[in-house]
Amino acid sequence: FCLMDMSRGGITYDSNIVKVSPKKEEVKF
């Protein structure tokens, strides 16, 4: 995921990839 600053423009934070299970179907942050 990434955080886009809508007030000033630009991507503020870009997360690393997180491996997930195809069966679980959700991941929390």
mmCIF file of all heavy atoms, coordinates in Angstrom:
data_MODEL
# 
_entry.id   MODEL 
# 
loop_
_atom_site.group_PDB 
_atom_site.id 
_atom_site.type_symbol 
_atom_site.label_atom_id 
_atom_site.label_alt_id 
_atom_site.label_comp_id 
_atom_site.label_asym_id 
_atom_site.label_entity_id 
_atom_site.label_seq_id 
_atom_site.pdbx_PDB_ins_code 
_atom_site.Cartn_x 
_atom_site.Cartn_y 
_atom_site.Cartn_z 
_atom_site.occupancy 
_atom_site.B_iso_or_equiv 
_atom_site.pdbx_formal_charge 
_atom_site.auth_seq_id 
_atom_site.auth_comp_id 
_atom_site.auth_asym_id 
_atom_site.auth_atom_id 
_atom_site.pdbx_PDB_model_num 
ATOM 1   N N   . PHE A 1 1  ? 0.842   -1.198  0.000  1.00 0.00 ? 1  PHE A N   1 
ATOM 2   C CA  . PHE A 1 1  ? 0.000   0.000   0.000  1.00 0.00 ? 1  PHE A CA  1 
ATOM 3   C C   . PHE A 1 1  ? 0.881   1.253   0.000  1.00 0.00 ? 1  PHE A C   1 
ATOM 4   O O   . PHE A 1 1  ? 2.070   1.203   0.341  1.00 0.00 ? 1  PHE A O   1 
ATOM 5   C CB  . PHE A 1 1  ? -0.953  0.016   1.203  1.00 0.00 ? 1  PHE A CB  1 
ATOM 6   C CG  . PHE A 1 1  ? -0.291  0.298   2.522  1.00 0.00 ? 1  PHE A CG  1 
ATOM 7   C CD1 . PHE A 1 1  ? -0.148  1.599   2.994  1.00 0.00 ? 1  PHE A CD1 1 
ATOM 8   C CD2 . PHE A 1 1  ? 0.195   -0.751  3.307  1.00 0.00 ? 1  PHE A CD2 1 
ATOM 9   C CE1 . PHE A 1 1  ? 0.460   1.856   4.218  1.00 0.00 ? 1  PHE A CE1 1 
ATOM 10  C CE2 . PHE A 1 1  ? 0.814   -0.502  4.523  1.00 0.00 ? 1  PHE A CE2 1 
ATOM 11  C CZ  . PHE A 1 1  ? 0.949   0.809   4.983  1.00 0.00 ? 1  PHE A CZ  1 
ATOM 12  N N   . CYS A 1 2  ? 0.289   2.364   -0.373 1.00 0.00 ? 2  CYS A N   1 
ATOM 13  C CA  . CYS A 1 2  ? 0.981   3.653   -0.304 1.00 0.00 ? 2  CYS A CA  1 
ATOM 14  C C   . CYS A 1 2  ? 0.037   4.708   0.249  1.00 0.00 ? 2  CYS A C   1 
ATOM 15  O O   . CYS A 1 2  ? -1.196  4.576   0.160  1.00 0.00 ? 2  CYS A O   1 
ATOM 16  C CB  . CYS A 1 2  ? 1.518   4.067   -1.676 1.00 0.00 ? 2  CYS A CB  1 
ATOM 17  S SG  . CYS A 1 2  ? 0.254   4.556   -2.849 1.00 0.00 ? 2  CYS A SG  1 
ATOM 18  N N   . LEU A 1 3  ? 0.624   5.745   0.855  1.00 0.00 ? 3  LEU A N   1 
ATOM 19  C CA  . LEU A 1 3  ? -0.128  6.896   1.336  1.00 0.00 ? 3  LEU A CA  1 
ATOM 20  C C   . LEU A 1 3  ? 0.075   8.051   0.357  1.00 0.00 ? 3  LEU A C   1 
ATOM 21  O O   . LEU A 1 3  ? 1.198   8.506   0.157  1.00 0.00 ? 3  LEU A O   1 
ATOM 22  C CB  . LEU A 1 3  ? 0.350   7.325   2.727  1.00 0.00 ? 3  LEU A CB  1 
ATOM 23  C CG  . LEU A 1 3  ? 0.267   6.302   3.863  1.00 0.00 ? 3  LEU A CG  1 
ATOM 24  C CD1 . LEU A 1 3  ? 0.794   6.905   5.157  1.00 0.00 ? 3  LEU A CD1 1 
ATOM 25  C CD2 . LEU A 1 3  ? -1.170  5.825   4.057  1.00 0.00 ? 3  LEU A CD2 1 
ATOM 26  N N   . MET A 1 4  ? -1.002  8.521   -0.237 1.00 0.00 ? 4  MET A N   1 
ATOM 27  C CA  . MET A 1 4  ? -0.947  9.654   -1.151 1.00 0.00 ? 4  MET A CA  1 
ATOM 28  C C   . MET A 1 4  ? -1.405  10.907  -0.408 1.00 0.00 ? 4  MET A C   1 
ATOM 29  O O   . MET A 1 4  ? -2.495  10.938  0.161  1.00 0.00 ? 4  MET A O   1 
ATOM 30  C CB  . MET A 1 4  ? -1.860  9.407   -2.351 1.00 0.00 ? 4  MET A CB  1 
ATOM 31  C CG  . MET A 1 4  ? -1.942  10.564  -3.332 1.00 0.00 ? 4  MET A CG  1 
ATOM 32  S SD  . MET A 1 4  ? -0.472  10.727  -4.341 1.00 0.00 ? 4  MET A SD  1 
ATOM 33  C CE  . MET A 1 4  ? -0.748  9.389   -5.519 1.00 0.00 ? 4  MET A CE  1 
ATOM 34  N N   . ASP A 1 5  ? -0.541  11.937  -0.369 1.00 0.00 ? 5  ASP A N   1 
ATOM 35  C CA  . ASP A 1 5  ? -0.872  13.194  0.293  1.00 0.00 ? 5  ASP A CA  1 
ATOM 36  C C   . ASP A 1 5  ? -1.775  14.003  -0.629 1.00 0.00 ? 5  ASP A C   1 
ATOM 37  O O   . ASP A 1 5  ? -1.329  14.570  -1.627 1.00 0.00 ? 5  ASP A O   1 
ATOM 38  C CB  . ASP A 1 5  ? 0.410   13.971  0.604  1.00 0.00 ? 5  ASP A CB  1 
ATOM 39  C CG  . ASP A 1 5  ? 0.147   15.227  1.423  1.00 0.00 ? 5  ASP A CG  1 
ATOM 40  O OD1 . ASP A 1 5  ? -1.026  15.568  1.626  1.00 0.00 ? 5  ASP A OD1 1 
ATOM 41  O OD2 . ASP A 1 5  ? 1.123   15.879  1.846  1.00 0.00 ? 5  ASP A OD2 1 
ATOM 42  N N   . MET A 1 6  ? -3.065  14.069  -0.318 1.00 0.00 ? 6  MET A N   1 
ATOM 43  C CA  . MET A 1 6  ? -4.018  14.749  -1.178 1.00 0.00 ? 6  MET A CA  1 
ATOM 44  C C   . MET A 1 6  ? -3.943  16.266  -1.022 1.00 0.00 ? 6  MET A C   1 
ATOM 45  O O   . MET A 1 6  ? -4.411  17.000  -1.888 1.00 0.00 ? 6  MET A O   1 
ATOM 46  C CB  . MET A 1 6  ? -5.447  14.268  -0.860 1.00 0.00 ? 6  MET A CB  1 
ATOM 47  C CG  . MET A 1 6  ? -5.609  12.759  -0.926 1.00 0.00 ? 6  MET A CG  1 
ATOM 48  S SD  . MET A 1 6  ? -5.127  12.060  -2.526 1.00 0.00 ? 6  MET A SD  1 
ATOM 49  C CE  . MET A 1 6  ? -6.452  12.700  -3.556 1.00 0.00 ? 6  MET A CE  1 
ATOM 50  N N   . SER A 1 7  ? -3.379  16.750  0.090  1.00 0.00 ? 7  SER A N   1 
ATOM 51  C CA  . SER A 1 7  ? -3.286  18.190  0.322  1.00 0.00 ? 7  SER A CA  1 
ATOM 52  C C   . SER A 1 7  ? -2.126  18.806  -0.440 1.00 0.00 ? 7  SER A C   1 
ATOM 53  O O   . SER A 1 7  ? -2.232  19.916  -0.973 1.00 0.00 ? 7  SER A O   1 
ATOM 54  C CB  . SER A 1 7  ? -3.125  18.477  1.823  1.00 0.00 ? 7  SER A CB  1 
ATOM 55  O OG  . SER A 1 7  ? -4.210  17.958  2.554  1.00 0.00 ? 7  SER A OG  1 
ATOM 56  N N   . ARG A 1 8  ? -0.995  18.108  -0.490 1.00 0.00 ? 8  ARG A N   1 
ATOM 57  C CA  . ARG A 1 8  ? 0.215   18.673  -1.094 1.00 0.00 ? 8  ARG A CA  1 
ATOM 58  C C   . ARG A 1 8  ? 0.614   17.966  -2.375 1.00 0.00 ? 8  ARG A C   1 
ATOM 59  O O   . ARG A 1 8  ? 1.409   18.472  -3.150 1.00 0.00 ? 8  ARG A O   1 
ATOM 60  C CB  . ARG A 1 8  ? 1.376   18.599  -0.091 1.00 0.00 ? 8  ARG A CB  1 
ATOM 61  C CG  . ARG A 1 8  ? 1.091   19.360  1.197  1.00 0.00 ? 8  ARG A CG  1 
ATOM 62  C CD  . ARG A 1 8  ? 2.095   18.999  2.278  1.00 0.00 ? 8  ARG A CD  1 
ATOM 63  N NE  . ARG A 1 8  ? 1.758   19.609  3.537  1.00 0.00 ? 8  ARG A NE  1 
ATOM 64  C CZ  . ARG A 1 8  ? 0.852   19.135  4.379  1.00 0.00 ? 8  ARG A CZ  1 
ATOM 65  N NH1 . ARG A 1 8  ? 0.195   18.026  4.077  1.00 0.00 ? 8  ARG A NH1 1 
ATOM 66  N NH2 . ARG A 1 8  ? 0.598   19.759  5.507  1.00 0.00 ? 8  ARG A NH2 1 
ATOM 67  N N   . GLY A 1 9  ? 0.084   16.769  -2.584 1.00 0.00 ? 9  GLY A N   1 
ATOM 68  C CA  . GLY A 1 9  ? 0.432   15.980  -3.760 1.00 0.00 ? 9  GLY A CA  1 
ATOM 69  C C   . GLY A 1 9  ? 1.639   15.098  -3.498 1.00 0.00 ? 9  GLY A C   1 
ATOM 70  O O   . GLY A 1 9  ? 2.508   15.421  -2.692 1.00 0.00 ? 9  GLY A O   1 
ATOM 71  N N   . GLY A 1 10 ? 1.692   13.972  -4.155 1.00 0.00 ? 10 GLY A N   1 
ATOM 72  C CA  . GLY A 1 10 ? 2.837   13.080  -4.051 1.00 0.00 ? 10 GLY A CA  1 
ATOM 73  C C   . GLY A 1 10 ? 2.598   11.918  -3.111 1.00 0.00 ? 10 GLY A C   1 
ATOM 74  O O   . GLY A 1 10 ? 1.728   11.947  -2.239 1.00 0.00 ? 10 GLY A O   1 
ATOM 75  N N   . ILE A 1 11 ? 3.397   10.853  -3.308 1.00 0.00 ? 11 ILE A N   1 
ATOM 76  C CA  . ILE A 1 11 ? 3.319   9.667   -2.452 1.00 0.00 ? 11 ILE A CA  1 
ATOM 77  C C   . ILE A 1 11 ? 4.214   9.876   -1.243 1.00 0.00 ? 11 ILE A C   1 
ATOM 78  O O   . ILE A 1 11 ? 5.417   10.090  -1.372 1.00 0.00 ? 11 ILE A O   1 
ATOM 79  C CB  . ILE A 1 11 ? 3.750   8.411   -3.230 1.00 0.00 ? 11 ILE A CB  1 
ATOM 80  C CG1 . ILE A 1 11 ? 2.737   8.136   -4.352 1.00 0.00 ? 11 ILE A CG1 1 
ATOM 81  C CG2 . ILE A 1 11 ? 3.855   7.201   -2.308 1.00 0.00 ? 11 ILE A CG2 1 
ATOM 82  C CD1 . ILE A 1 11 ? 3.114   6.984   -5.249 1.00 0.00 ? 11 ILE A CD1 1 
ATOM 83  N N   . THR A 1 12 ? 3.617   9.842   -0.073 1.00 0.00 ? 12 THR A N   1 
ATOM 84  C CA  . THR A 1 12 ? 4.341   10.081  1.178  1.00 0.00 ? 12 THR A CA  1 
ATOM 85  C C   . THR A 1 12 ? 5.044   8.824   1.670  1.00 0.00 ? 12 THR A C   1 
ATOM 86  O O   . THR A 1 12 ? 6.157   8.881   2.193  1.00 0.00 ? 12 THR A O   1 
ATOM 87  C CB  . THR A 1 12 ? 3.361   10.557  2.259  1.00 0.00 ? 12 THR A CB  1 
ATOM 88  O OG1 . THR A 1 12 ? 2.739   11.752  1.809  1.00 0.00 ? 12 THR A OG1 1 
ATOM 89  C CG2 . THR A 1 12 ? 4.075   10.811  3.570  1.00 0.00 ? 12 THR A CG2 1 
ATOM 90  N N   . TYR A 1 13 ? 4.383   7.688   1.514  1.00 0.00 ? 13 TYR A N   1 
ATOM 91  C CA  . TYR A 1 13 ? 4.937   6.431   2.025  1.00 0.00 ? 13 TYR A CA  1 
ATOM 92  C C   . TYR A 1 13 ? 4.548   5.306   1.088  1.00 0.00 ? 13 TYR A C   1 
ATOM 93  O O   . TYR A 1 13 ? 3.398   5.217   0.641  1.00 0.00 ? 13 TYR A O   1 
ATOM 94  C CB  . TYR A 1 13 ? 4.406   6.149   3.433  1.00 0.00 ? 13 TYR A CB  1 
ATOM 95  C CG  . TYR A 1 13 ? 4.833   4.801   3.982  1.00 0.00 ? 13 TYR A CG  1 
ATOM 96  C CD1 . TYR A 1 13 ? 6.114   4.601   4.487  1.00 0.00 ? 13 TYR A CD1 1 
ATOM 97  C CD2 . TYR A 1 13 ? 3.947   3.721   3.979  1.00 0.00 ? 13 TYR A CD2 1 
ATOM 98  C CE1 . TYR A 1 13 ? 6.502   3.351   4.965  1.00 0.00 ? 13 TYR A CE1 1 
ATOM 99  C CE2 . TYR A 1 13 ? 4.322   2.483   4.468  1.00 0.00 ? 13 TYR A CE2 1 
ATOM 100 C CZ  . TYR A 1 13 ? 5.612   2.303   4.955  1.00 0.00 ? 13 TYR A CZ  1 
ATOM 101 O OH  . TYR A 1 13 ? 5.997   1.076   5.430  1.00 0.00 ? 13 TYR A OH  1 
ATOM 102 N N   . ASP A 1 14 ? 5.516   4.444   0.798  1.00 0.00 ? 14 ASP A N   1 
ATOM 103 C CA  . ASP A 1 14 ? 5.276   3.264   -0.031 1.00 0.00 ? 14 ASP A CA  1 
ATOM 104 C C   . ASP A 1 14 ? 5.757   2.046   0.754  1.00 0.00 ? 14 ASP A C   1 
ATOM 105 O O   . ASP A 1 14 ? 6.944   1.932   1.065  1.00 0.00 ? 14 ASP A O   1 
ATOM 106 C CB  . ASP A 1 14 ? 6.033   3.397   -1.360 1.00 0.00 ? 14 ASP A CB  1 
ATOM 107 C CG  . ASP A 1 14 ? 5.649   2.311   -2.347 1.00 0.00 ? 14 ASP A CG  1 
ATOM 108 O OD1 . ASP A 1 14 ? 4.713   1.555   -2.057 1.00 0.00 ? 14 ASP A OD1 1 
ATOM 109 O OD2 . ASP A 1 14 ? 6.298   2.220   -3.402 1.00 0.00 ? 14 ASP A OD2 1 
ATOM 110 N N   . SER A 1 15 ? 4.827   1.179   1.105  1.00 0.00 ? 15 SER A N   1 
ATOM 111 C CA  . SER A 1 15 ? 5.178   0.045   1.971  1.00 0.00 ? 15 SER A CA  1 
ATOM 112 C C   . SER A 1 15 ? 5.973   -1.008  1.205  1.00 0.00 ? 15 SER A C   1 
ATOM 113 O O   . SER A 1 15 ? 5.969   -1.057  -0.030 1.00 0.00 ? 15 SER A O   1 
ATOM 114 C CB  . SER A 1 15 ? 3.909   -0.605  2.529  1.00 0.00 ? 15 SER A CB  1 
ATOM 115 O OG  . SER A 1 15 ? 3.269   -1.376  1.529  1.00 0.00 ? 15 SER A OG  1 
ATOM 116 N N   . ASN A 1 16 ? 6.632   -1.887  1.944  1.00 0.00 ? 16 ASN A N   1 
ATOM 117 C CA  . ASN A 1 16 ? 7.224   -3.071  1.346  1.00 0.00 ? 16 ASN A CA  1 
ATOM 118 C C   . ASN A 1 16 ? 6.109   -4.064  1.022  1.00 0.00 ? 16 ASN A C   1 
ATOM 119 O O   . ASN A 1 16 ? 5.005   -3.993  1.577  1.00 0.00 ? 16 ASN A O   1 
ATOM 120 C CB  . ASN A 1 16 ? 8.216   -3.715  2.316  1.00 0.00 ? 16 ASN A CB  1 
ATOM 121 C CG  . ASN A 1 16 ? 9.437   -2.850  2.542  1.00 0.00 ? 16 ASN A CG  1 
ATOM 122 O OD1 . ASN A 1 16 ? 9.942   -2.229  1.613  1.00 0.00 ? 16 ASN A OD1 1 
ATOM 123 N ND2 . ASN A 1 16 ? 9.908   -2.793  3.786  1.00 0.00 ? 16 ASN A ND2 1 
ATOM 124 N N   . ILE A 1 17 ? 6.413   -5.005  0.126  1.00 0.00 ? 17 ILE A N   1 
ATOM 125 C CA  . ILE A 1 17 ? 5.415   -6.024  -0.187 1.00 0.00 ? 17 ILE A CA  1 
ATOM 126 C C   . ILE A 1 17 ? 5.265   -6.981  0.989  1.00 0.00 ? 17 ILE A C   1 
ATOM 127 O O   . ILE A 1 17 ? 6.216   -7.244  1.729  1.00 0.00 ? 17 ILE A O   1 
ATOM 128 C CB  . ILE A 1 17 ? 5.775   -6.796  -1.471 1.00 0.00 ? 17 ILE A CB  1 
ATOM 129 C CG1 . ILE A 1 17 ? 7.140   -7.482  -1.330 1.00 0.00 ? 17 ILE A CG1 1 
ATOM 130 C CG2 . ILE A 1 17 ? 5.747   -5.879  -2.681 1.00 0.00 ? 17 ILE A CG2 1 
ATOM 131 C CD1 . ILE A 1 17 ? 7.446   -8.430  -2.483 1.00 0.00 ? 17 ILE A CD1 1 
ATOM 132 N N   . VAL A 1 18 ? 4.050   -7.449  1.183  1.00 0.00 ? 18 VAL A N   1 
ATOM 133 C CA  . VAL A 1 18 ? 3.751   -8.387  2.264  1.00 0.00 ? 18 VAL A CA  1 
ATOM 134 C C   . VAL A 1 18 ? 3.159   -9.649  1.634  1.00 0.00 ? 18 VAL A C   1 
ATOM 135 O O   . VAL A 1 18 ? 2.144   -9.571  0.918  1.00 0.00 ? 18 VAL A O   1 
ATOM 136 C CB  . VAL A 1 18 ? 2.745   -7.783  3.266  1.00 0.00 ? 18 VAL A CB  1 
ATOM 137 C CG1 . VAL A 1 18 ? 2.398   -8.801  4.346  1.00 0.00 ? 18 VAL A CG1 1 
ATOM 138 C CG2 . VAL A 1 18 ? 3.286   -6.502  3.864  1.00 0.00 ? 18 VAL A CG2 1 
ATOM 139 N N   . LYS A 1 19 ? 3.795   -10.795 1.889  1.00 0.00 ? 19 LYS A N   1 
ATOM 140 C CA  . LYS A 1 19 ? 3.275   -12.044 1.362  1.00 0.00 ? 19 LYS A CA  1 
ATOM 141 C C   . LYS A 1 19 ? 2.015   -12.437 2.122  1.00 0.00 ? 19 LYS A C   1 
ATOM 142 O O   . LYS A 1 19 ? 1.968   -12.386 3.351  1.00 0.00 ? 19 LYS A O   1 
ATOM 143 C CB  . LYS A 1 19 ? 4.321   -13.149 1.475  1.00 0.00 ? 19 LYS A CB  1 
ATOM 144 C CG  . LYS A 1 19 ? 3.915   -14.453 0.783  1.00 0.00 ? 19 LYS A CG  1 
ATOM 145 C CD  . LYS A 1 19 ? 5.045   -15.478 0.816  1.00 0.00 ? 19 LYS A CD  1 
ATOM 146 C CE  . LYS A 1 19 ? 4.636   -16.756 0.098  1.00 0.00 ? 19 LYS A CE  1 
ATOM 147 N NZ  . LYS A 1 19 ? 5.713   -17.767 0.094  1.00 0.00 ? 19 LYS A NZ  1 
ATOM 148 N N   . VAL A 1 20 ? 0.973   -12.816 1.397  1.00 0.00 ? 20 VAL A N   1 
ATOM 149 C CA  . VAL A 1 20 ? -0.299  -13.147 2.034  1.00 0.00 ? 20 VAL A CA  1 
ATOM 150 C C   . VAL A 1 20 ? -0.803  -14.497 1.503  1.00 0.00 ? 20 VAL A C   1 
ATOM 151 O O   . VAL A 1 20 ? -0.373  -14.965 0.455  1.00 0.00 ? 20 VAL A O   1 
ATOM 152 C CB  . VAL A 1 20 ? -1.362  -12.054 1.770  1.00 0.00 ? 20 VAL A CB  1 
ATOM 153 C CG1 . VAL A 1 20 ? -0.975  -10.758 2.456  1.00 0.00 ? 20 VAL A CG1 1 
ATOM 154 C CG2 . VAL A 1 20 ? -1.561  -11.817 0.272  1.00 0.00 ? 20 VAL A CG2 1 
ATOM 155 N N   . SER A 1 21 ? -1.732  -15.052 2.240  1.00 0.00 ? 21 SER A N   1 
ATOM 156 C CA  . SER A 1 21 ? -2.313  -16.337 1.855  1.00 0.00 ? 21 SER A CA  1 
ATOM 157 C C   . SER A 1 21 ? -3.499  -16.116 0.922  1.00 0.00 ? 21 SER A C   1 
ATOM 158 O O   . SER A 1 21 ? -4.382  -15.305 1.214  1.00 0.00 ? 21 SER A O   1 
ATOM 159 C CB  . SER A 1 21 ? -2.786  -17.089 3.105  1.00 0.00 ? 21 SER A CB  1 
ATOM 160 O OG  . SER A 1 21 ? -3.600  -18.189 2.746  1.00 0.00 ? 21 SER A OG  1 
ATOM 161 N N   . PRO A 1 22 ? -3.557  -16.838 -0.182 1.00 0.00 ? 22 PRO A N   1 
ATOM 162 C CA  . PRO A 1 22 ? -4.716  -16.714 -1.080 1.00 0.00 ? 22 PRO A CA  1 
ATOM 163 C C   . PRO A 1 22 ? -6.023  -17.114 -0.408 1.00 0.00 ? 22 PRO A C   1 
ATOM 164 O O   . PRO A 1 22 ? -7.092  -16.696 -0.837 1.00 0.00 ? 22 PRO A O   1 
ATOM 165 C CB  . PRO A 1 22 ? -4.377  -17.673 -2.231 1.00 0.00 ? 22 PRO A CB  1 
ATOM 166 C CG  . PRO A 1 22 ? -2.893  -17.821 -2.188 1.00 0.00 ? 22 PRO A CG  1 
ATOM 167 C CD  . PRO A 1 22 ? -2.533  -17.742 -0.725 1.00 0.00 ? 22 PRO A CD  1 
ATOM 168 N N   . LYS A 1 23 ? -5.940  -17.898 0.657  1.00 0.00 ? 23 LYS A N   1 
ATOM 169 C CA  . LYS A 1 23 ? -7.145  -18.403 1.311  1.00 0.00 ? 23 LYS A CA  1 
ATOM 170 C C   . LYS A 1 23 ? -7.684  -17.471 2.386  1.00 0.00 ? 23 LYS A C   1 
ATOM 171 O O   . LYS A 1 23 ? -8.880  -17.423 2.636  1.00 0.00 ? 23 LYS A O   1 
ATOM 172 C CB  . LYS A 1 23 ? -6.862  -19.777 1.936  1.00 0.00 ? 23 LYS A CB  1 
ATOM 173 C CG  . LYS A 1 23 ? -6.516  -20.855 0.904  1.00 0.00 ? 23 LYS A CG  1 
ATOM 174 C CD  . LYS A 1 23 ? -6.253  -22.182 1.577  1.00 0.00 ? 23 LYS A CD  1 
ATOM 175 C CE  . LYS A 1 23 ? -5.924  -23.262 0.553  1.00 0.00 ? 23 LYS A CE  1 
ATOM 176 N NZ  . LYS A 1 23 ? -5.662  -24.576 1.205  1.00 0.00 ? 23 LYS A NZ  1 
ATOM 177 N N   . LYS A 1 24 ? -6.782  -16.710 3.039  1.00 0.00 ? 24 LYS A N   1 
ATOM 178 C CA  . LYS A 1 24 ? -7.215  -15.884 4.171  1.00 0.00 ? 24 LYS A CA  1 
ATOM 179 C C   . LYS A 1 24 ? -8.047  -14.693 3.724  1.00 0.00 ? 24 LYS A C   1 
ATOM 180 O O   . LYS A 1 24 ? -9.001  -14.289 4.388  1.00 0.00 ? 24 LYS A O   1 
ATOM 181 C CB  . LYS A 1 24 ? -5.992  -15.402 4.956  1.00 0.00 ? 24 LYS A CB  1 
ATOM 182 C CG  . LYS A 1 24 ? -6.354  -14.763 6.278  1.00 0.00 ? 24 LYS A CG  1 
ATOM 183 C CD  . LYS A 1 24 ? -5.109  -14.430 7.090  1.00 0.00 ? 24 LYS A CD  1 
ATOM 184 C CE  . LYS A 1 24 ? -5.521  -13.813 8.421  1.00 0.00 ? 24 LYS A CE  1 
ATOM 185 N NZ  . LYS A 1 24 ? -4.339  -13.436 9.235  1.00 0.00 ? 24 LYS A NZ  1 
ATOM 186 N N   . GLU A 1 25 ? -7.670  -14.047 2.652  1.00 0.00 ? 25 GLU A N   1 
ATOM 187 C CA  . GLU A 1 25 ? -8.421  -12.998 1.976  1.00 0.00 ? 25 GLU A CA  1 
ATOM 188 C C   . GLU A 1 25 ? -8.490  -11.668 2.718  1.00 0.00 ? 25 GLU A C   1 
ATOM 189 O O   . GLU A 1 25 ? -9.292  -10.804 2.364  1.00 0.00 ? 25 GLU A O   1 
ATOM 190 C CB  . GLU A 1 25 ? -9.839  -13.477 1.622  1.00 0.00 ? 25 GLU A CB  1 
ATOM 191 C CG  . GLU A 1 25 ? -9.828  -14.649 0.652  1.00 0.00 ? 25 GLU A CG  1 
ATOM 192 C CD  . GLU A 1 25 ? -11.195 -15.009 0.131  1.00 0.00 ? 25 GLU A CD  1 
ATOM 193 O OE1 . GLU A 1 25 ? -12.194 -14.497 0.687  1.00 0.00 ? 25 GLU A OE1 1 
ATOM 194 O OE2 . GLU A 1 25 ? -11.280 -15.803 -0.823 1.00 0.00 ? 25 GLU A OE2 1 
ATOM 195 N N   . GLU A 1 26 ? -7.670  -11.458 3.735  1.00 0.00 ? 26 GLU A N   1 
ATOM 196 C CA  . GLU A 1 26 ? -7.535  -10.125 4.332  1.00 0.00 ? 26 GLU A CA  1 
ATOM 197 C C   . GLU A 1 26 ? -6.262  -10.057 5.165  1.00 0.00 ? 26 GLU A C   1 
ATOM 198 O O   . GLU A 1 26 ? -5.781  -11.063 5.686  1.00 0.00 ? 26 GLU A O   1 
ATOM 199 C CB  . GLU A 1 26 ? -8.748  -9.743  5.182  1.00 0.00 ? 26 GLU A CB  1 
ATOM 200 C CG  . GLU A 1 26 ? -8.899  -10.463 6.482  1.00 0.00 ? 26 GLU A CG  1 
ATOM 201 C CD  . GLU A 1 26 ? -10.050 -9.887  7.319  1.00 0.00 ? 26 GLU A CD  1 
ATOM 202 O OE1 . GLU A 1 26 ? -11.117 -9.577  6.747  1.00 0.00 ? 26 GLU A OE1 1 
ATOM 203 O OE2 . GLU A 1 26 ? -9.881  -9.746  8.544  1.00 0.00 ? 26 GLU A OE2 1 
ATOM 204 N N   . VAL A 1 27 ? -5.698  -8.841  5.266  1.00 0.00 ? 27 VAL A N   1 
ATOM 205 C CA  . VAL A 1 27 ? -4.510  -8.602  6.077  1.00 0.00 ? 27 VAL A CA  1 
ATOM 206 C C   . VAL A 1 27 ? -4.663  -7.229  6.719  1.00 0.00 ? 27 VAL A C   1 
ATOM 207 O O   . VAL A 1 27 ? -5.144  -6.283  6.090  1.00 0.00 ? 27 VAL A O   1 
ATOM 208 C CB  . VAL A 1 27 ? -3.217  -8.703  5.229  1.00 0.00 ? 27 VAL A CB  1 
ATOM 209 C CG1 . VAL A 1 27 ? -3.241  -7.716  4.067  1.00 0.00 ? 27 VAL A CG1 1 
ATOM 210 C CG2 . VAL A 1 27 ? -1.988  -8.479  6.085  1.00 0.00 ? 27 VAL A CG2 1 
ATOM 211 N N   . LYS A 1 28 ? -4.272  -7.117  8.000  1.00 0.00 ? 28 LYS A N   1 
ATOM 212 C CA  . LYS A 1 28 ? -4.471  -5.878  8.754  1.00 0.00 ? 28 LYS A CA  1 
ATOM 213 C C   . LYS A 1 28 ? -3.155  -5.116  8.900  1.00 0.00 ? 28 LYS A C   1 
ATOM 214 O O   . LYS A 1 28 ? -2.085  -5.698  9.010  1.00 0.00 ? 28 LYS A O   1 
ATOM 215 C CB  . LYS A 1 28 ? -5.048  -6.197  10.137 1.00 0.00 ? 28 LYS A CB  1 
ATOM 216 C CG  . LYS A 1 28 ? -6.422  -6.841  10.097 1.00 0.00 ? 28 LYS A CG  1 
ATOM 217 C CD  . LYS A 1 28 ? -6.933  -7.155  11.497 1.00 0.00 ? 28 LYS A CD  1 
ATOM 218 C CE  . LYS A 1 28 ? -8.309  -7.814  11.441 1.00 0.00 ? 28 LYS A CE  1 
ATOM 219 N NZ  . LYS A 1 28 ? -8.810  -8.157  12.801 1.00 0.00 ? 28 LYS A NZ  1 
ATOM 220 N N   . PHE A 1 29 ? -3.283  -3.774  8.945  1.00 0.00 ? 29 PHE A N   1 
ATOM 221 C CA  . PHE A 1 29 ? -2.127  -2.895  9.102  1.00 0.00 ? 29 PHE A CA  1 
ATOM 222 C C   . PHE A 1 29 ? -2.412  -1.853  10.185 1.00 0.00 ? 29 PHE A C   1 
ATOM 223 O O   . PHE A 1 29 ? -3.553  -1.435  10.377 1.00 0.00 ? 29 PHE A O   1 
ATOM 224 C CB  . PHE A 1 29 ? -1.807  -2.161  7.794  1.00 0.00 ? 29 PHE A CB  1 
ATOM 225 C CG  . PHE A 1 29 ? -1.361  -3.062  6.679  1.00 0.00 ? 29 PHE A CG  1 
ATOM 226 C CD1 . PHE A 1 29 ? -2.296  -3.622  5.808  1.00 0.00 ? 29 PHE A CD1 1 
ATOM 227 C CD2 . PHE A 1 29 ? -0.024  -3.357  6.496  1.00 0.00 ? 29 PHE A CD2 1 
ATOM 228 C CE1 . PHE A 1 29 ? -1.896  -4.451  4.778  1.00 0.00 ? 29 PHE A CE1 1 
ATOM 229 C CE2 . PHE A 1 29 ? 0.390   -4.187  5.472  1.00 0.00 ? 29 PHE A CE2 1 
ATOM 230 C CZ  . PHE A 1 29 ? -0.549  -4.736  4.610  1.00 0.00 ? 29 PHE A CZ  1 
# 
